[in-house]
Amino acid sequence: MENKTGKYFKYAIGEIILVVIGILIALSINNWNTKENERELEIKYLNQIKSSLENSKLNLTERLDRNKGILKSGELLLEHLKDKKPLNDTITRLFIIPKYDHSIKLSTAAFENLKNDGLSLISNDSLKIAIIDIYEQEITLIQNTFANQMENYNTSIVDPFYNKHFELVYNKHFELDTKTIKPLFIPNNYEDLLQNREMKNMLSSINGLRFYSIDLYEFVIEKIRKIIIKVENEIKILEE
C-alpha cells in the first residue's frame, strides 16, 4: 500500500508539473503573440505617422515658397507707397497682397488614430515625445493659433479698411499669364492712399507676420525632417 501510495503521489506531482509547464508554455506563447501583434501595430502606426509627416512637410514647403513670393510683393508694394510713386498695373495687382490668408491644412488623422488606440504603442519614449510635440505644439500653432490670429486681423483691420478705400473688380486684362480671373482692388483715391499712414502700417504688420510665418515654416520643416528619419530608423529596428 505504501509503494502504491508513493507511486500515486509521484504520478500526481508529475501531472501537476506537466500542467504547470503547459500553462507556462501557453502563457509564453500568448505573451509572444501579444508582443508580436503590438510590434506589427506599432510598425503600422509609425508608417502612417511617417506618411502624414511627409505630406505635412510637402504642404509646408509649398506654402513656404508661396509666402516668400508674397513677402517680396508685399515689400515692393510698401516701398512703392512710401516713395509715393505713380499708380501702375503692376502695383494695382499687388493691392490684393494684404487679403491673402495664412490658413493651411496639415494632416493629423494618423496622430489622432494613434491617440485613440493608445500612445503607449510607441515603445521608443524619445520618439513618442517628439511625435506628440510636433503635432500638439508646432502643427497646432501653424494650423490653428497663427491662422486664427491672421483671420481675426483680416476681419477686424484689413477688411474694413479695404471696404472703405478700395473698389473690388474682376478684370482678365491684368491676368495675361493665366486663365484664372482674380480680383483686383482699385483705390478709390490713390493720392489720398499715399498719404494714409494706416495703409502703410497695415502693410508693415502683414509683411512682418509673413516674415514670421516663413521662419516658423522653415523651423517646422526641419523638425519634421529629423522626426521622419527617427521614425524610419525605428521601423527598421522593429522589422529586424
Protein backbone atom coordinates (compact mmCIF):
# COMPACT_ATOMS: atom_id res chain seq x y z
CA MET A 1 0.00 0.00 0.00
CA GLU A 2 2.87 2.35 0.85
CA ASN A 3 4.52 1.65 -2.50
CA LYS A 4 1.24 2.21 -4.34
CA THR A 5 0.60 5.44 -2.39
CA GLY A 6 4.13 6.69 -3.13
CA LYS A 7 3.74 5.92 -6.81
CA TYR A 8 0.36 7.71 -6.83
CA PHE A 9 1.83 10.86 -5.25
CA LYS A 10 4.77 10.80 -7.67
CA TYR A 11 2.35 10.42 -10.56
CA ALA A 12 0.12 13.23 -9.24
CA ILE A 13 3.11 15.52 -8.72
CA GLY A 14 4.34 14.70 -12.23
CA GLU A 15 0.90 15.53 -13.63
CA ILE A 16 0.83 18.79 -11.73
CA ILE A 17 4.30 19.71 -13.01
CA LEU A 18 3.26 18.90 -16.58
CA VAL A 19 0.12 21.03 -16.20
CA VAL A 20 2.16 23.91 -14.78
CA ILE A 21 4.71 23.60 -17.58
CA GLY A 22 1.86 23.52 -20.11
CA ILE A 23 0.33 26.66 -18.61
CA LEU A 24 3.69 28.44 -18.61
CA ILE A 25 4.30 27.49 -22.24
CA ALA A 26 0.80 28.66 -23.19
CA LEU A 27 1.32 31.94 -21.36
CA SER A 28 4.71 32.35 -23.03
CA ILE A 29 3.21 31.72 -26.48
CA ASN A 30 0.32 34.09 -25.72
CA ASN A 31 2.81 36.66 -24.47
CA TRP A 32 4.88 36.29 -27.62
CA ASN A 33 1.78 36.58 -29.82
CA THR A 34 0.67 39.69 -27.93
CA LYS A 35 4.08 41.32 -28.31
CA GLU A 36 4.20 40.34 -31.98
CA ASN A 37 0.78 41.87 -32.58
CA GLU A 38 1.80 45.03 -30.72
CA ARG A 39 5.01 45.22 -32.76
CA GLU A 40 3.09 44.90 -36.03
CA LEU A 41 0.60 47.51 -34.85
CA GLU A 42 3.43 49.84 -33.86
CA ILE A 43 5.04 49.46 -37.31
CA LYS A 44 1.67 50.17 -38.92
CA TYR A 45 1.16 53.38 -36.93
CA LEU A 46 4.74 54.53 -37.45
CA ASN A 47 4.30 54.12 -41.21
CA GLN A 48 1.11 56.17 -41.01
CA ILE A 49 2.84 58.87 -38.97
CA LYS A 50 5.72 58.90 -41.45
CA SER A 51 3.33 59.34 -44.39
CA SER A 52 1.41 62.06 -42.53
CA LEU A 53 4.58 63.98 -41.70
CA GLU A 54 5.85 63.69 -45.26
CA ASN A 55 2.59 65.21 -46.54
CA SER A 56 2.80 68.00 -43.96
CA LYS A 57 6.40 68.67 -44.94
CA LEU A 58 5.40 68.90 -48.61
CA ASN A 59 2.47 71.25 -47.87
CA LEU A 60 4.63 73.45 -45.65
CA THR A 61 7.38 73.62 -48.27
CA GLU A 62 4.88 74.69 -50.94
CA ARG A 63 3.38 77.31 -48.62
CA LEU A 64 6.86 78.47 -47.62
CA ASP A 65 7.81 79.13 -51.26
CA ARG A 66 4.49 80.90 -51.81
CA ASN A 67 4.94 83.07 -48.73
CA LYS A 68 8.43 84.09 -49.83
CA GLY A 69 6.99 85.31 -53.13
CA ILE A 70 4.11 87.10 -51.37
CA LEU A 71 6.51 88.78 -48.95
CA LYS A 72 8.63 90.14 -51.81
CA SER A 73 5.49 91.53 -53.43
CA GLY A 74 4.35 93.00 -50.13
CA GLU A 75 7.70 94.72 -49.62
CA LEU A 76 7.58 96.07 -53.18
CA LEU A 77 4.09 97.47 -52.60
CA LEU A 78 5.08 99.11 -49.31
CA GLU A 79 8.21 100.65 -50.85
CA HIS A 80 6.18 101.96 -53.80
CA LEU A 81 3.70 103.68 -51.49
CA LYS A 82 6.40 105.09 -49.21
CA ASP A 83 8.19 106.58 -52.24
CA LYS A 84 4.85 107.98 -53.46
CA LYS A 85 5.31 106.56 -56.95
CA PRO A 86 2.51 106.78 -59.55
CA LEU A 87 -0.08 104.03 -59.75
CA ASN A 88 0.52 101.40 -62.45
CA ASP A 89 -0.86 97.99 -63.44
CA THR A 90 1.82 96.09 -61.50
CA ILE A 91 1.05 97.88 -58.25
CA THR A 92 -2.69 97.55 -58.83
CA ARG A 93 -2.26 93.78 -58.96
CA LEU A 94 -0.34 93.87 -55.67
CA PHE A 95 -3.11 95.51 -53.66
CA ILE A 96 -4.54 92.03 -53.15
CA ILE A 97 -1.49 91.07 -51.03
CA PRO A 98 -2.97 92.08 -47.63
CA LYS A 99 -6.06 89.99 -48.39
CA TYR A 100 -4.17 86.69 -48.69
CA ASP A 101 -4.85 84.39 -45.75
CA HIS A 102 -2.43 82.21 -43.77
CA SER A 103 -4.64 79.14 -43.46
CA ILE A 104 -3.09 75.78 -44.23
CA LYS A 105 -4.40 72.24 -43.89
CA LEU A 106 -2.00 69.70 -42.39
CA SER A 107 -3.00 66.07 -41.92
CA THR A 108 -3.36 64.97 -38.28
CA ALA A 109 -5.58 61.89 -38.80
CA ALA A 110 -2.73 59.40 -38.23
CA PHE A 111 -1.84 61.04 -34.92
CA GLU A 112 -5.48 61.15 -33.80
CA ASN A 113 -5.85 57.44 -34.61
CA LEU A 114 -2.70 56.68 -32.64
CA LYS A 115 -4.01 58.63 -29.65
CA ASN A 116 -7.32 56.76 -29.79
CA ASP A 117 -5.58 53.35 -29.75
CA GLY A 118 -3.00 54.44 -27.19
CA LEU A 119 0.24 56.36 -27.47
CA SER A 120 1.83 53.60 -25.37
CA LEU A 121 2.00 51.55 -28.60
CA ILE A 122 5.13 53.58 -29.44
CA SER A 123 7.82 51.78 -27.45
CA ASN A 124 10.59 54.34 -28.07
CA ASP A 125 9.90 57.04 -25.47
CA SER A 126 12.03 59.77 -27.07
CA LEU A 127 10.38 59.19 -30.45
CA LYS A 128 6.94 59.20 -28.83
CA ILE A 129 7.66 62.56 -27.17
CA ALA A 130 8.93 64.01 -30.48
CA ILE A 131 5.77 62.88 -32.31
CA ILE A 132 3.47 64.29 -29.62
CA ASP A 133 5.41 67.55 -29.58
CA ILE A 134 5.35 68.17 -33.35
CA TYR A 135 1.59 67.55 -33.60
CA GLU A 136 0.40 69.21 -30.41
CA GLN A 137 2.82 72.16 -30.48
CA GLU A 138 4.12 73.28 -33.90
CA ILE A 139 1.40 71.87 -36.16
CA THR A 140 -1.31 73.16 -33.81
CA LEU A 141 0.38 76.57 -33.74
CA ILE A 142 0.52 76.79 -37.53
CA GLN A 143 -2.89 75.35 -38.29
CA ASN A 144 -4.95 76.89 -35.52
CA THR A 145 -3.37 79.61 -33.37
CA PHE A 146 -1.45 81.53 -36.05
CA ALA A 147 -4.11 81.07 -38.75
CA ASN A 148 -6.85 82.25 -36.37
CA GLN A 149 -4.85 85.31 -35.37
CA MET A 150 -4.39 86.25 -39.02
CA GLU A 151 -8.07 85.65 -39.78
CA ASN A 152 -9.03 87.91 -36.88
CA TYR A 153 -6.60 90.58 -38.08
CA ASN A 154 -8.04 90.44 -41.61
CA THR A 155 -11.62 90.57 -40.33
CA SER A 156 -11.10 93.40 -37.86
CA ILE A 157 -8.46 95.53 -39.64
CA VAL A 158 -7.89 94.70 -43.30
CA ASP A 159 -11.46 94.08 -44.49
CA PRO A 160 -12.97 97.30 -43.03
CA PHE A 161 -10.09 99.37 -44.44
CA TYR A 162 -10.40 97.83 -47.91
CA ASN A 163 -14.19 98.23 -47.91
CA LYS A 164 -13.70 101.92 -47.26
CA HIS A 165 -10.77 102.71 -49.57
CA PHE A 166 -10.96 100.21 -52.46
CA GLU A 167 -13.32 99.03 -55.15
CA LEU A 168 -13.35 95.31 -55.91
CA VAL A 169 -13.35 94.46 -59.64
CA TYR A 170 -12.56 91.47 -61.82
CA ASN A 171 -10.58 92.02 -64.98
CA LYS A 172 -8.82 89.49 -67.20
CA HIS A 173 -6.61 92.24 -68.60
CA PHE A 174 -4.41 92.01 -65.51
CA GLU A 175 -4.07 88.23 -65.69
CA LEU A 176 -2.48 87.65 -69.11
CA ASP A 177 -0.42 84.66 -67.91
CA THR A 178 -3.34 82.64 -66.51
CA LYS A 179 -6.89 81.66 -67.37
CA THR A 180 -7.95 82.34 -63.80
CA ILE A 181 -9.73 85.63 -63.24
CA LYS A 182 -8.55 87.08 -59.96
CA PRO A 183 -9.99 90.01 -58.01
CA LEU A 184 -8.43 93.42 -58.26
CA PHE A 185 -8.62 96.14 -55.64
CA ILE A 186 -8.70 99.60 -57.20
CA PRO A 187 -8.04 102.57 -54.86
CA ASN A 188 -10.95 105.00 -54.63
CA ASN A 189 -8.41 107.80 -54.35
CA TYR A 190 -4.80 106.83 -54.87
CA GLU A 191 -3.41 110.24 -53.85
CA ASP A 192 -5.20 110.05 -50.52
CA LEU A 193 -3.96 106.48 -50.09
CA LEU A 194 -0.35 107.65 -50.49
CA GLN A 195 -0.86 109.95 -47.50
CA ASN A 196 -2.64 107.34 -45.44
CA ARG A 197 -0.42 106.16 -42.58
CA GLU A 198 -2.84 103.37 -41.67
CA MET A 199 -2.28 101.70 -45.05
CA LYS A 200 1.49 101.69 -44.61
CA ASN A 201 1.27 100.47 -41.00
CA MET A 202 -1.08 97.71 -42.05
CA LEU A 203 1.28 96.59 -44.84
CA SER A 204 4.24 96.67 -42.44
CA SER A 205 2.35 94.49 -39.94
CA ILE A 206 1.29 92.00 -42.61
CA ASN A 207 4.80 91.80 -44.05
CA GLY A 208 6.12 91.21 -40.54
CA LEU A 209 3.64 88.39 -39.94
CA ARG A 210 4.51 86.89 -43.32
CA PHE A 211 8.21 87.04 -42.40
CA TYR A 212 7.42 85.31 -39.09
CA SER A 213 5.48 82.58 -40.92
CA ILE A 214 8.48 81.93 -43.19
CA ASP A 215 10.77 81.47 -40.17
CA LEU A 216 8.17 79.27 -38.47
CA TYR A 217 7.67 77.07 -41.54
CA GLU A 218 11.42 76.63 -42.05
CA PHE A 219 11.85 75.61 -38.41
CA VAL A 220 8.96 73.12 -38.50
CA ILE A 221 10.02 71.65 -41.86
CA GLU A 222 13.48 70.92 -40.46
CA LYS A 223 12.00 69.45 -37.28
CA ILE A 224 9.67 67.20 -39.29
CA ARG A 225 12.61 66.08 -41.45
CA LYS A 226 14.51 64.92 -38.36
CA ILE A 227 11.48 63.11 -36.90
CA ILE A 228 10.89 61.29 -40.20
CA ILE A 229 14.47 59.98 -40.06
CA LYS A 230 13.89 58.79 -36.46
CA VAL A 231 10.66 57.06 -37.47
CA GLU A 232 12.35 55.32 -40.41
CA ASN A 233 15.16 54.09 -38.15
CA GLU A 234 12.68 52.81 -35.56
CA ILE A 235 10.70 50.94 -38.23
CA LYS A 236 13.93 49.24 -39.42
CA ILE A 237 14.72 48.13 -35.86
CA LEU A 238 11.22 46.75 -35.32
CA GLU A 239 11.25 44.88 -38.62
CA GLU A 240 14.53 43.10 -37.87
